[in-house]
Structure formats: C-alpha cells, structure tokens
C-alpha atoms as a PDB file:
ATOM      1  CA  MET A   1     -16.006  -0.701  -1.208  1.00  0.00           C
ATOM      2  CA  PHE A   2     -16.699   0.151   2.689  1.00  0.00           C
ATOM      3  CA  ASP A   3     -19.578   2.579   1.430  1.00  0.00           C
ATOM      4  CA  GLY A   4     -20.526   5.093   3.949  1.00  0.00           C
ATOM      5  CA  PHE A   5     -17.602   3.863   6.357  1.00  0.00           C
ATOM      6  CA  THR A   6     -14.813   6.617   7.660  1.00  0.00           C
ATOM      7  CA  LEU A   7     -10.752   6.130   6.176  1.00  0.00           C
ATOM      8  CA  ASP A   8      -8.224   7.814   9.011  1.00  0.00           C
ATOM      9  CA  ARG A   9      -5.071   7.535  10.419  1.00  0.00           C
ATOM     10  CA  VAL A  10      -4.915   6.905  14.196  1.00  0.00           C
ATOM     11  CA  ASP A  11      -2.192   7.691  16.388  1.00  0.00           C
ATOM     12  CA  VAL A  12      -2.434   4.701  18.913  1.00  0.00           C
ATOM     13  CA  GLY A  13       1.263   5.878  20.594  1.00  0.00           C
ATOM     14  CA  GLU A  14       4.149   3.643  19.127  1.00  0.00           C
ATOM     15  CA  VAL A  15       2.294   3.763  16.245  1.00  0.00           C
ATOM     16  CA  THR A  16      -0.458   5.027  13.864  1.00  0.00           C
ATOM     17  CA  LEU A  17      -2.788   3.114  12.553  1.00  0.00           C
ATOM     18  CA  ARG A  18      -5.143   3.058   9.027  1.00  0.00           C
ATOM     19  CA  VAL A  19      -8.641   2.222  10.079  1.00  0.00           C
ATOM     20  CA  ARG A  20     -11.820   2.143   8.408  1.00  0.00           C
ATOM     21  CA  HIS A  21     -14.985   2.356  10.802  1.00  0.00           C
ATOM     22  CA  GLY A  22     -18.860   2.581  10.017  1.00  0.00           C
ATOM     23  CA  GLY A  23     -22.115   1.554  11.175  1.00  0.00           C
ATOM     24  CA  SER A  24     -23.933   1.968  14.035  1.00  0.00           C
ATOM     25  CA  GLY A  25     -24.520   0.250  17.345  1.00  0.00           C
ATOM     26  CA  PRO A  26     -22.262  -2.012  19.610  1.00  0.00           C
ATOM     27  CA  PRO A  27     -18.430  -1.395  18.303  1.00  0.00           C
ATOM     28  CA  VAL A  28     -17.059  -4.629  16.442  1.00  0.00           C
ATOM     29  CA  LEU A  29     -13.296  -4.677  15.968  1.00  0.00           C
ATOM     30  CA  LEU A  30     -11.975  -7.223  12.885  1.00  0.00           C
ATOM     31  CA  LEU A  31      -8.638  -8.288  12.603  1.00  0.00           C
ATOM     32  CA  HIS A  32      -7.076  -9.429   9.838  1.00  0.00           C
ATOM     33  CA  GLY A  33      -4.464 -12.230   8.928  1.00  0.00           C
ATOM     34  CA  HIS A  34      -1.165 -12.550   6.498  1.00  0.00           C
ATOM     35  CA  PRO A  35      -1.143 -11.015   4.047  1.00  0.00           C
ATOM     36  CA  ARG A  36      -4.015  -9.058   4.022  1.00  0.00           C
ATOM     37  CA  THR A  37      -4.930  -5.577   5.045  1.00  0.00           C
ATOM     38  CA  HIS A  38      -7.843  -4.596   6.744  1.00  0.00           C
ATOM     39  CA  THR A  39      -9.406  -4.236   2.887  1.00  0.00           C
ATOM     40  CA  THR A  40     -10.222  -8.225   3.213  1.00  0.00           C
ATOM     41  CA  TRP A  41     -13.400  -6.986   5.124  1.00  0.00           C
ATOM     42  CA  HIS A  42     -15.064  -5.155   2.274  1.00  0.00           C
ATOM     43  CA  ARG A  43     -17.772  -8.178   1.786  1.00  0.00           C
ATOM     44  CA  VAL A  44     -18.281  -8.387   5.760  1.00  0.00           C
ATOM     45  CA  ALA A  45     -17.819  -4.925   7.156  1.00  0.00           C
ATOM     46  CA  PRO A  46     -20.861  -3.563   5.768  1.00  0.00           C
ATOM     47  CA  ARG A  47     -23.138  -6.373   6.412  1.00  0.00           C
ATOM     48  CA  LEU A  48     -22.222  -5.943  10.357  1.00  0.00           C
ATOM     49  CA  ALA A  49     -22.484  -2.238  10.203  1.00  0.00           C
ATOM     50  CA  GLU A  50     -26.160  -2.784   9.770  1.00  0.00           C
ATOM     51  CA  ARG A  51     -26.327  -3.783  13.418  1.00  0.00           C
ATOM     52  CA  PHE A  52     -23.101  -2.690  14.616  1.00  0.00           C
ATOM     53  CA  THR A  53     -19.955   0.076  14.881  1.00  0.00           C
ATOM     54  CA  VAL A  54     -17.527  -1.860  12.710  1.00  0.00           C
ATOM     55  CA  VAL A  55     -13.940  -0.937  13.133  1.00  0.00           C
ATOM     56  CA  CYS A  56     -11.047  -2.494  10.875  1.00  0.00           C
ATOM     57  CA  PRO A  57      -7.609  -0.962  11.135  1.00  0.00           C
ATOM     58  CA  ASP A  58      -4.230  -2.666   9.675  1.00  0.00           C
ATOM     59  CA  THR A  59      -2.529  -4.218  12.593  1.00  0.00           C
ATOM     60  CA  ARG A  60       1.067  -2.680  12.984  1.00  0.00           C
ATOM     61  CA  GLY A  61       3.551  -3.581  10.549  1.00  0.00           C
ATOM     62  CA  TYR A  62       0.715  -4.628   7.743  1.00  0.00           C
ATOM     63  CA  GLY A  63      -0.944  -2.588   4.952  1.00  0.00           C
ATOM     64  CA  GLU A  64      -0.354   1.335   5.634  1.00  0.00           C
ATOM     65  CA  SER A  65       0.006   1.298   9.319  1.00  0.00           C
ATOM     66  CA  THR A  66       3.684   2.308  10.046  1.00  0.00           C
ATOM     67  CA  LYS A  67       6.336  -0.428  11.112  1.00  0.00           C
ATOM     68  CA  PRO A  68       8.585   0.156  14.054  1.00  0.00           C
ATOM     69  CA  PRO A  69      11.931  -1.693  14.687  1.00  0.00           C
ATOM     70  CA  ALA A  70      11.525  -5.254  15.429  1.00  0.00           C
ATOM     71  CA  GLY A  71      13.799  -5.378  18.385  1.00  0.00           C
ATOM     72  CA  ALA A  72      16.355  -8.080  18.986  1.00  0.00           C
ATOM     73  CA  ASP A  73      13.733 -10.428  20.585  1.00  0.00           C
ATOM     74  CA  HIS A  74      10.896  -9.562  17.920  1.00  0.00           C
ATOM     75  CA  ALA A  75       8.564  -7.960  20.755  1.00  0.00           C
ATOM     76  CA  ALA A  76       7.542  -5.185  18.842  1.00  0.00           C
ATOM     77  CA  TYR A  77       5.371  -7.350  16.958  1.00  0.00           C
ATOM     78  CA  SER A  78       4.141  -9.477  19.716  1.00  0.00           C
ATOM     79  CA  LYS A  79       0.617 -10.261  19.595  1.00  0.00           C
ATOM     80  CA  ARG A  80       0.636  -8.837  23.312  1.00  0.00           C
ATOM     81  CA  VAL A  81       2.151  -5.145  21.523  1.00  0.00           C
ATOM     82  CA  MET A  82      -0.979  -5.867  18.713  1.00  0.00           C
ATOM     83  CA  ALA A  83      -3.791  -5.941  21.299  1.00  0.00           C
ATOM     84  CA  ALA A  84      -2.423  -3.211  23.573  1.00  0.00           C
ATOM     85  CA  ASP A  85      -2.230  -1.640  20.025  1.00  0.00           C
ATOM     86  CA  SER A  86      -6.302  -2.574  19.507  1.00  0.00           C
ATOM     87  CA  VAL A  87      -7.376  -1.463  22.639  1.00  0.00           C
ATOM     88  CA  ALA A  88      -5.972   1.803  22.460  1.00  0.00           C
ATOM     89  CA  LEU A  89      -7.443   2.486  18.760  1.00  0.00           C
ATOM     90  CA  MET A  90     -10.651   1.645  20.426  1.00  0.00           C
ATOM     91  CA  ARG A  91     -10.499   3.823  23.135  1.00  0.00           C
ATOM     92  CA  ARG A  92      -9.824   6.843  20.659  1.00  0.00           C
ATOM     93  CA  LEU A  93     -12.554   6.083  18.662  1.00  0.00           C
ATOM     94  CA  GLY A  94     -14.902   6.300  21.688  1.00  0.00           C
ATOM     95  CA  HIS A  95     -15.665   2.443  22.569  1.00  0.00           C
ATOM     96  CA  ASP A  96     -14.162   1.185  25.922  1.00  0.00           C
ATOM     97  CA  ARG A  97     -15.599  -2.410  25.839  1.00  0.00           C
ATOM     98  CA  PHE A  98     -16.296  -4.406  22.436  1.00  0.00           C
ATOM     99  CA  PHE A  99     -16.750  -6.973  20.486  1.00  0.00           C
ATOM    100  CA  VAL A 100     -13.629  -8.638  18.130  1.00  0.00           C
ATOM    101  CA  ALA A 101     -13.173 -11.044  15.229  1.00  0.00           C
ATOM    102  CA  GLY A 102      -9.927 -11.950  14.335  1.00  0.00           C
ATOM    103  CA  HIS A 103      -8.761 -14.037  11.178  1.00  0.00           C
ATOM    104  CA  ASP A 104      -5.304 -15.872  10.784  1.00  0.00           C
ATOM    105  CA  ARG A 105      -2.863 -13.573  12.204  1.00  0.00           C
ATOM    106  CA  GLY A 106      -5.659 -11.574  13.353  1.00  0.00           C
ATOM    107  CA  ALA A 107      -7.342 -14.447  15.476  1.00  0.00           C
ATOM    108  CA  TYR A 108      -3.808 -14.642  17.707  1.00  0.00           C
ATOM    109  CA  VAL A 109      -4.205 -10.714  18.495  1.00  0.00           C
ATOM    110  CA  ALA A 110      -7.864 -11.717  19.229  1.00  0.00           C
ATOM    111  CA  THR A 111      -7.280 -14.335  21.534  1.00  0.00           C
ATOM    112  CA  ARG A 112      -4.267 -12.040  23.632  1.00  0.00           C
ATOM    113  CA  LEU A 113      -7.128  -9.338  23.395  1.00  0.00           C
ATOM    114  CA  ALA A 114      -9.308 -11.715  25.270  1.00  0.00           C
ATOM    115  CA  PHE A 115      -6.394 -13.029  27.557  1.00  0.00           C
ATOM    116  CA  ASP A 116      -4.569  -9.661  28.485  1.00  0.00           C
ATOM    117  CA  HIS A 117      -7.662  -7.251  28.596  1.00  0.00           C
ATOM    118  CA  PRO A 118     -10.657  -9.064  29.489  1.00  0.00           C
ATOM    119  CA  SER A 119     -12.090  -6.579  31.195  1.00  0.00           C
ATOM    120  CA  VAL A 120     -12.484  -4.938  27.744  1.00  0.00           C
ATOM    121  CA  VAL A 121     -13.448  -7.372  25.277  1.00  0.00           C
ATOM    122  CA  ARG A 122     -17.114  -8.650  25.478  1.00  0.00           C
ATOM    123  CA  GLY A 123     -16.765 -11.770  23.375  1.00  0.00           C
ATOM    124  CA  VAL A 124     -14.299 -12.972  20.975  1.00  0.00           C
ATOM    125  CA  ALA A 125     -14.629 -14.916  17.441  1.00  0.00           C
ATOM    126  CA  ILE A 126     -11.488 -16.586  16.407  1.00  0.00           C
ATOM    127  CA  LEU A 127     -11.526 -17.586  12.690  1.00  0.00           C
ATOM    128  CA  ASP A 128      -9.010 -20.655  11.259  1.00  0.00           C
ATOM    129  CA  ALA A 129      -6.771 -20.382  14.313  1.00  0.00           C
ATOM    130  CA  VAL A 130      -5.781 -22.674  17.338  1.00  0.00           C
ATOM    131  CA  PRO A 131      -3.395 -20.505  19.878  1.00  0.00           C
ATOM    132  CA  ILE A 132       0.123 -20.545  18.757  1.00  0.00           C
ATOM    133  CA  GLY A 133       1.391 -21.867  21.842  1.00  0.00           C
ATOM    134  CA  GLU A 134      -1.018 -25.087  21.240  1.00  0.00           C
ATOM    135  CA  ALA A 135       0.181 -25.350  17.494  1.00  0.00           C
ATOM    136  CA  LEU A 136       3.530 -25.252  18.749  1.00  0.00           C
ATOM    137  CA  ALA A 137       3.578 -27.845  21.387  1.00  0.00           C
ATOM    138  CA  ARG A 138       1.374 -30.424  18.563  1.00  0.00           C
ATOM    139  CA  CYS A 139       3.870 -29.854  15.820  1.00  0.00           C
ATOM    140  CA  ASP A 140       4.668 -32.998  13.887  1.00  0.00           C
ATOM    141  CA  ALA A 141       6.372 -33.589  10.757  1.00  0.00           C
ATOM    142  CA  ARG A 142       3.138 -32.837   8.581  1.00  0.00           C
ATOM    143  CA  PHE A 143       2.638 -29.767  10.570  1.00  0.00           C
ATOM    144  CA  ALA A 144       6.387 -28.806   9.772  1.00  0.00           C
ATOM    145  CA  ARG A 145       5.278 -29.514   5.929  1.00  0.00           C
ATOM    146  CA  GLU A 146       2.406 -28.129   5.472  1.00  0.00           C
ATOM    147  CA  TRP A 147       3.054 -25.122   7.635  1.00  0.00           C
ATOM    148  CA  TYR A 148       6.834 -24.913   6.855  1.00  0.00           C
ATOM    149  CA  HIS A 149       6.148 -21.010   6.441  1.00  0.00           C
ATOM    150  CA  TRP A 150       6.100 -20.412  10.251  1.00  0.00           C
ATOM    151  CA  PHE A 151       9.712 -21.909  10.180  1.00  0.00           C
ATOM    152  CA  PHE A 152      10.970 -20.409   7.337  1.00  0.00           C
ATOM    153  CA  PHE A 153       9.651 -16.633   7.815  1.00  0.00           C
ATOM    154  CA  ALA A 154      11.730 -17.004  11.263  1.00  0.00           C
ATOM    155  CA  GLN A 155      14.930 -16.968   9.256  1.00  0.00           C
ATOM    156  CA  PRO A 156      17.004 -13.947   9.536  1.00  0.00           C
ATOM    157  CA  GLU A 157      17.255 -11.814   5.635  1.00  0.00           C
ATOM    158  CA  LYS A 158      16.410 -15.196   3.583  1.00  0.00           C
ATOM    159  CA  PRO A 159      12.743 -14.747   3.348  1.00  0.00           C
ATOM    160  CA  GLU A 160      12.713 -10.845   2.469  1.00  0.00           C
ATOM    161  CA  ARG A 161      15.480 -11.853  -0.198  1.00  0.00           C
ATOM    162  CA  VAL A 162      13.141 -14.827  -1.459  1.00  0.00           C
ATOM    163  CA  ILE A 163       9.509 -12.655  -1.311  1.00  0.00           C
ATOM    164  CA  THR A 164      11.090  -9.630  -2.630  1.00  0.00           C
ATOM    165  CA  ALA A 165      12.328 -11.109  -5.504  1.00  0.00           C
ATOM    166  CA  ASP A 166       9.205 -11.971  -7.092  1.00  0.00           C
ATOM    167  CA  PRO A 167       6.049 -11.193  -4.518  1.00  0.00           C
ATOM    168  CA  ASP A 168       3.476 -12.019  -7.410  1.00  0.00           C
ATOM    169  CA  ALA A 169       5.249 -15.320  -7.397  1.00  0.00           C
ATOM    170  CA  TRP A 170       5.376 -16.128  -3.458  1.00  0.00           C
ATOM    171  CA  TYR A 171       1.758 -14.776  -3.274  1.00  0.00           C
ATOM    172  CA  ASP A 172       0.204 -16.141  -5.610  1.00  0.00           C
ATOM    173  CA  VAL A 173      -0.890 -13.636  -7.828  1.00  0.00           C
ATOM    174  CA  ALA A 174      -3.170 -14.256 -10.825  1.00  0.00           C
ATOM    175  CA  THR A 175      -3.617 -17.501  -9.670  1.00  0.00           C
ATOM    176  CA  ARG A 176      -5.307 -17.939  -6.264  1.00  0.00           C
ATOM    177  CA  ASN A 177      -5.355 -13.963  -5.350  1.00  0.00           C
ATOM    178  CA  THR A 178      -6.848 -12.312  -8.356  1.00  0.00           C
ATOM    179  CA  PRO A 179      -8.771  -9.270  -8.952  1.00  0.00           C
ATOM    180  CA  GLU A 180     -11.784 -11.598  -9.671  1.00  0.00           C
ATOM    181  CA  ARG A 181     -11.812 -13.187  -5.873  1.00  0.00           C
ATOM    182  CA  LEU A 182     -10.801 -10.871  -3.913  1.00  0.00           C
ATOM    183  CA  GLY A 183     -12.880  -7.486  -5.661  1.00  0.00           C
ATOM    184  CA  GLU A 184     -10.789  -5.191  -7.387  1.00  0.00           C
ATOM    185  CA  GLU A 185     -10.032  -2.795  -4.930  1.00  0.00           C
ATOM    186  CA  ASN A 186      -9.077  -5.527  -2.021  1.00  0.00           C
ATOM    187  CA  PHE A 187      -6.804  -6.821  -4.578  1.00  0.00           C
ATOM    188  CA  ALA A 188      -5.352  -3.494  -5.288  1.00  0.00           C
ATOM    189  CA  ASP A 189      -4.461  -2.769  -1.767  1.00  0.00           C
ATOM    190  CA  PHE A 190      -3.156  -6.063  -0.980  1.00  0.00           C
ATOM    191  CA  HIS A 191      -0.963  -5.946  -4.105  1.00  0.00           C
ATOM    192  CA  ARG A 192       0.604  -2.551  -3.104  1.00  0.00           C
ATOM    193  CA  ALA A 193       1.331  -4.282   0.374  1.00  0.00           C
ATOM    194  CA  ILE A 194       3.216  -7.818  -1.046  1.00  0.00           C
ATOM    195  CA  HIS A 195       4.983  -4.893  -3.098  1.00  0.00           C
ATOM    196  CA  ASP A 196       6.757  -2.979  -0.342  1.00  0.00           C
ATOM    197  CA  PRO A 197       9.388  -4.243   0.916  1.00  0.00           C
ATOM    198  CA  ALA A 198       9.013  -2.638   4.679  1.00  0.00           C
ATOM    199  CA  THR A 199       5.936  -4.360   4.943  1.00  0.00           C
ATOM    200  CA  VAL A 200       6.947  -7.807   4.017  1.00  0.00           C
ATOM    201  CA  THR A 201       9.816  -7.648   6.670  1.00  0.00           C
ATOM    202  CA  ALA A 202       7.190  -6.303   9.248  1.00  0.00           C
ATOM    203  CA  MET A 203       5.351  -9.250   8.182  1.00  0.00           C
ATOM    204  CA  LEU A 204       8.004 -11.629   8.373  1.00  0.00           C
ATOM    205  CA  GLU A 205       8.572  -9.754  11.792  1.00  0.00           C
ATOM    206  CA  ASP A 206       4.706 -10.851  13.140  1.00  0.00           C
ATOM    207  CA  TYR A 207       5.583 -14.560  12.436  1.00  0.00           C
ATOM    208  CA  ARG A 208       9.027 -14.303  13.877  1.00  0.00           C
ATOM    209  CA  ALA A 209       7.829 -12.880  17.701  1.00  0.00           C
ATOM    210  CA  GLY A 210       5.484 -15.858  17.060  1.00  0.00           C
ATOM    211  CA  LEU A 211       7.613 -18.942  17.650  1.00  0.00           C
ATOM    212  CA  GLY A 212       9.281 -16.699  20.088  1.00  0.00           C
ATOM    213  CA  VAL A 213       7.351 -13.891  22.650  1.00  0.00           C
ATOM    214  CA  ASP A 214       4.012 -15.429  21.965  1.00  0.00           C
ATOM    215  CA  ARG A 215       4.533 -18.852  22.552  1.00  0.00           C
ATOM    216  CA  ALA A 216       6.115 -17.756  25.496  1.00  0.00           C
ATOM    217  CA  HIS A 217       2.734 -15.940  26.543  1.00  0.00           C
ATOM    218  CA  ASP A 218       0.519 -18.750  25.480  1.00  0.00           C
ATOM    219  CA  ASP A 219       2.683 -21.354  27.542  1.00  0.00           C
ATOM    220  CA  ALA A 220       2.541 -18.928  30.226  1.00  0.00           C
ATOM    221  CA  ASP A 221      -1.501 -18.807  30.580  1.00  0.00           C
ATOM    222  CA  ARG A 222      -1.733 -22.211  29.865  1.00  0.00           C
ATOM    223  CA  ALA A 223       0.844 -23.118  32.655  1.00  0.00           C
ATOM    224  CA  ALA A 224      -0.890 -20.966  35.554  1.00  0.00           C
ATOM    225  CA  GLY A 225      -4.000 -22.392  34.126  1.00  0.00           C
ATOM    226  CA  ARG A 226      -5.579 -19.162  33.024  1.00  0.00           C
ATOM    227  CA  ARG A 227      -8.405 -19.229  30.105  1.00  0.00           C
ATOM    228  CA  ILE A 228     -10.381 -16.724  28.306  1.00  0.00           C
ATOM    229  CA  SER A 229     -13.331 -15.407  30.599  1.00  0.00           C
ATOM    230  CA  CYS A 230     -15.708 -14.341  27.690  1.00  0.00           C
ATOM    231  CA  PRO A 231     -17.529 -16.052  25.255  1.00  0.00           C
ATOM    232  CA  ALA A 232     -15.946 -17.377  22.561  1.00  0.00           C
ATOM    233  CA  LEU A 233     -16.788 -18.326  18.873  1.00  0.00           C
ATOM    234  CA  VAL A 234     -14.740 -20.855  16.739  1.00  0.00           C
ATOM    235  CA  LEU A 235     -14.877 -20.529  13.050  1.00  0.00           C
ATOM    236  CA  TRP A 236     -12.989 -22.810  10.463  1.00  0.00           C
ATOM    237  CA  SER A 237     -12.807 -23.345   6.813  1.00  0.00           C
ATOM    238  CA  SER A 238     -13.934 -26.139   5.924  1.00  0.00           C
ATOM    239  CA  ASP A 239     -11.952 -26.475   3.022  1.00  0.00           C
ATOM    240  CA  ASP A 240      -9.012 -25.388   5.011  1.00  0.00           C
ATOM    241  CA  ASP A 241      -7.227 -27.681   7.447  1.00  0.00           C
ATOM    242  CA  MET A 242      -8.259 -26.465  10.813  1.00  0.00           C
ATOM    243  CA  ALA A 243      -9.618 -30.115  11.137  1.00  0.00           C
ATOM    244  CA  ASP A 244      -7.558 -32.380   9.434  1.00  0.00           C
ATOM    245  CA  LEU A 245      -4.941 -31.035  11.597  1.00  0.00           C
ATOM    246  CA  TYR A 246      -6.467 -30.882  15.025  1.00  0.00           C
ATOM    247  CA  GLY A 247      -9.467 -33.176  14.590  1.00  0.00           C
ATOM    248  CA  ASP A 248     -12.093 -31.725  17.021  1.00  0.00           C
ATOM    249  CA  VAL A 249     -11.258 -27.885  16.871  1.00  0.00           C
ATOM    250  CA  LEU A 250     -13.826 -26.931  19.477  1.00  0.00           C
ATOM    251  CA  GLY A 251     -12.241 -29.494  22.103  1.00  0.00           C
ATOM    252  CA  VAL A 252      -8.933 -27.817  21.472  1.00  0.00           C
ATOM    253  CA  TRP A 253     -10.277 -24.352  22.311  1.00  0.00           C
ATOM    254  CA  ARG A 254     -11.900 -25.700  25.209  1.00  0.00           C
ATOM    255  CA  ASN A 255      -8.793 -25.900  26.982  1.00  0.00           C
ATOM    256  CA  TRP A 256      -7.948 -22.463  26.651  1.00  0.00           C
ATOM    257  CA  ALA A 257     -11.403 -20.736  27.099  1.00  0.00           C
ATOM    258  CA  GLU A 258     -14.342 -21.286  29.818  1.00  0.00           C
ATOM    259  CA  ASP A 259     -17.299 -20.852  27.174  1.00  0.00           C
ATOM    260  CA  VAL A 260     -16.784 -21.682  23.804  1.00  0.00           C
ATOM    261  CA  ARG A 261     -18.797 -22.748  20.645  1.00  0.00           C
ATOM    262  CA  GLY A 262     -18.714 -22.925  16.779  1.00  0.00           C
ATOM    263  CA  HIS A 263     -18.996 -24.576  13.349  1.00  0.00           C
ATOM    264  CA  ALA A 264     -16.986 -24.925   9.877  1.00  0.00           C
ATOM    265  CA  ILE A 265     -17.882 -22.373   6.926  1.00  0.00           C
ATOM    266  CA  ARG A 266     -17.797 -23.794   3.632  1.00  0.00           C
ATOM    267  CA  SER A 267     -14.901 -21.983   2.592  1.00  0.00           C
ATOM    268  CA  GLY A 268     -11.488 -21.698   1.130  1.00  0.00           C
ATOM    269  CA  HIS A 269      -8.708 -20.467   3.616  1.00  0.00           C
ATOM    270  CA  HIS A 270      -9.735 -16.791   3.223  1.00  0.00           C
ATOM    271  CA  VAL A 271     -13.182 -16.716   4.216  1.00  0.00           C
ATOM    272  CA  ALA A 272     -13.817 -13.167   4.695  1.00  0.00           C
ATOM    273  CA  GLU A 273     -13.679 -12.961   0.878  1.00  0.00           C
ATOM    274  CA  GLU A 274     -15.001 -16.258   0.023  1.00  0.00           C
ATOM    275  CA  ASN A 275     -17.981 -16.699   1.993  1.00  0.00           C
ATOM    276  CA  PRO A 276     -18.806 -13.129   3.302  1.00  0.00           C
ATOM    277  CA  GLN A 277     -22.777 -13.816   3.467  1.00  0.00           C
ATOM    278  CA  ASP A 278     -22.373 -17.090   5.875  1.00  0.00           C
ATOM    279  CA  LEU A 279     -19.472 -15.526   7.965  1.00  0.00           C
ATOM    280  CA  ALA A 280     -21.215 -12.202   8.254  1.00  0.00           C
ATOM    281  CA  ALA A 281     -24.260 -14.494   9.614  1.00  0.00           C
ATOM    282  CA  ALA A 282     -22.456 -16.073  11.985  1.00  0.00           C
ATOM    283  CA  LEU A 283     -20.861 -13.401  13.603  1.00  0.00           C
ATOM    284  CA  THR A 284     -24.159 -11.173  13.921  1.00  0.00           C
ATOM    285  CA  ARG A 285     -25.599 -14.295  15.506  1.00  0.00           C
ATOM    286  CA  PHE A 286     -23.000 -14.303  18.151  1.00  0.00           C
ATOM    287  CA  PHE A 287     -22.352 -11.096  18.763  1.00  0.00           C
ATOM    288  CA  SER A 288     -26.300 -10.009  18.988  1.00  0.00           C
ATOM    289  CA  ARG A 289     -26.473 -12.817  21.542  1.00  0.00           C
ATOM    290  CA  LEU A 290     -24.286 -11.042  24.074  1.00  0.00           C
ATOM    291  CA  PRO A 291     -24.317  -7.789  26.395  1.00  0.00           C
ATOM    292  CA  ALA A 292     -23.162  -5.108  24.660  1.00  0.00           C
ATOM    293  CA  GLY A 293     -22.999  -2.840  27.671  1.00  0.00           C
END
C-alpha cells in the first residue's frame, strides 16, 4: 500500500497530522471523508503520483492525527480550521500553491480551502458533496430521514455511547466494509480508527461543527455573494444519493463557484475504493489542464 510514498507526522501548529506523500510534479492534496483515514486513497494516490506530487493526510481528529479539545462551540473542528491545517501542512512540505480534492467531509474542507485561501488553491475537486449551508437550507423530511446521522451525531454524549458500544455494527464491518472491498491494509487502518473512542469523539465533533460554525461560514459567504474563484470539478457517485437529493448537482454548485464542470462516476459512496481507475483518470484530466505555477 502506497509503494514509494513516505509516511510522516507533521506538526502544523495546534495539531500534528499523520501524512503520506510521494510522486513528483505539481502538488495535489487529497482529503478523506468519514469514517475513513488517508489510507482510503491507497488505490488512487499511486495512479496520481505518476503525474503529481500527492499528499494524503489524516485530517485533525481522524486516524492517527492529534485530537484537540473541541471547545463549547466545536470550532476546533471547523472546516475553516481544518483548511488552515492543510495550508500549513503543504507549506511544511514545500508547496505554497497546490490542487486539492476532497471526498465527503473532506469535500467540505476542500471547499473552505477554496473560499478562504484563493491565492493558494489552483483548482478544487469536490466529491459527493454540496456545501453544508446548501444542504441544511434545503433540508426536508427526506434529507432528515436519509441523513439522520448529521443530527444524531450533533447530540452530546449519546452518539459516543451508541457507536463505541459496537463500532463494527455501526460502521457495517463484515457487510459493506470488509477487507476484500477496502483492501486489507486500508481496512485495518479504518478498523483501528473506529475502535478508538477518542477518534470516534473527534469524528463526531466534525459533525457538531458542521451544524453550527461551518454552516455560519457558508451562510456568510452566500450572503456576501462570495464564490469559489478557482476552477472546480464536481464528481458524484452514481449509486449514491446526490442526484436523488439535489437533481442538477452542477446547478447547485454554479451558485457557489464561478467555473464548474463535472459528472457522475459509476460507484457507491466510497468512490476512491470502489472505482479508483475512473476517479484517478478524472482527477488527472482536470488537474493536468490547469496552470500549476
């Protein structure tokens, strides 16, 4: 797994991030979602490394990255703070400007990177997500039923008690999440993470920040008329529910970004594991056509 990559722990200020990096060429940052770690990219990163320098961290709280106290407003797990971690990480590795791709919760960090650091992000790829503020503004009974975990995870204490009582049951181990589907080493990393109570709490803090401070940041950008200025690629899994919930997914993003293109990829939700070939090809095409300097 990650043959030819270097595994490091990088101090970015408030936290230390576990990160794998390798390859050569223009830098690309890959940001994972919940409940994964950076190893979810193990089938994509080596393909990209043929053309790019690829950086894959565990975002703060996830995997083996450090887990600071959340604070009363959960702001320590805001996407704004995670975006700042990402900029600091890339600078520590010698990359002042870079491309970024994020999946699921990582897509929210990638979005915030593009909003908050436009001089740094050369292009952004957003996988299986619309902005948090957009999702909550559109929330209806169907969204609340199918994405109930957003609201359950935001509750104090009870989600930890439920999840840590049987992490394998909660995270579908032996059904959807198996060594065969994830790859043995990626599965082992994921499995360690979900069995660590501190990691479970940190992942929940990500969602708690989502319903509060993250939504406030999105709403402020929307009210001010700010849009993502760099080119944006939006990809969504054909067998997930993005199109069912939002219809014209690209139409949603055109209200948030100036230059948007994208398409569905045949896959379930965890596209980096389920269809790495098509995902890596789409990312390579997109980033290769953008200025890297």
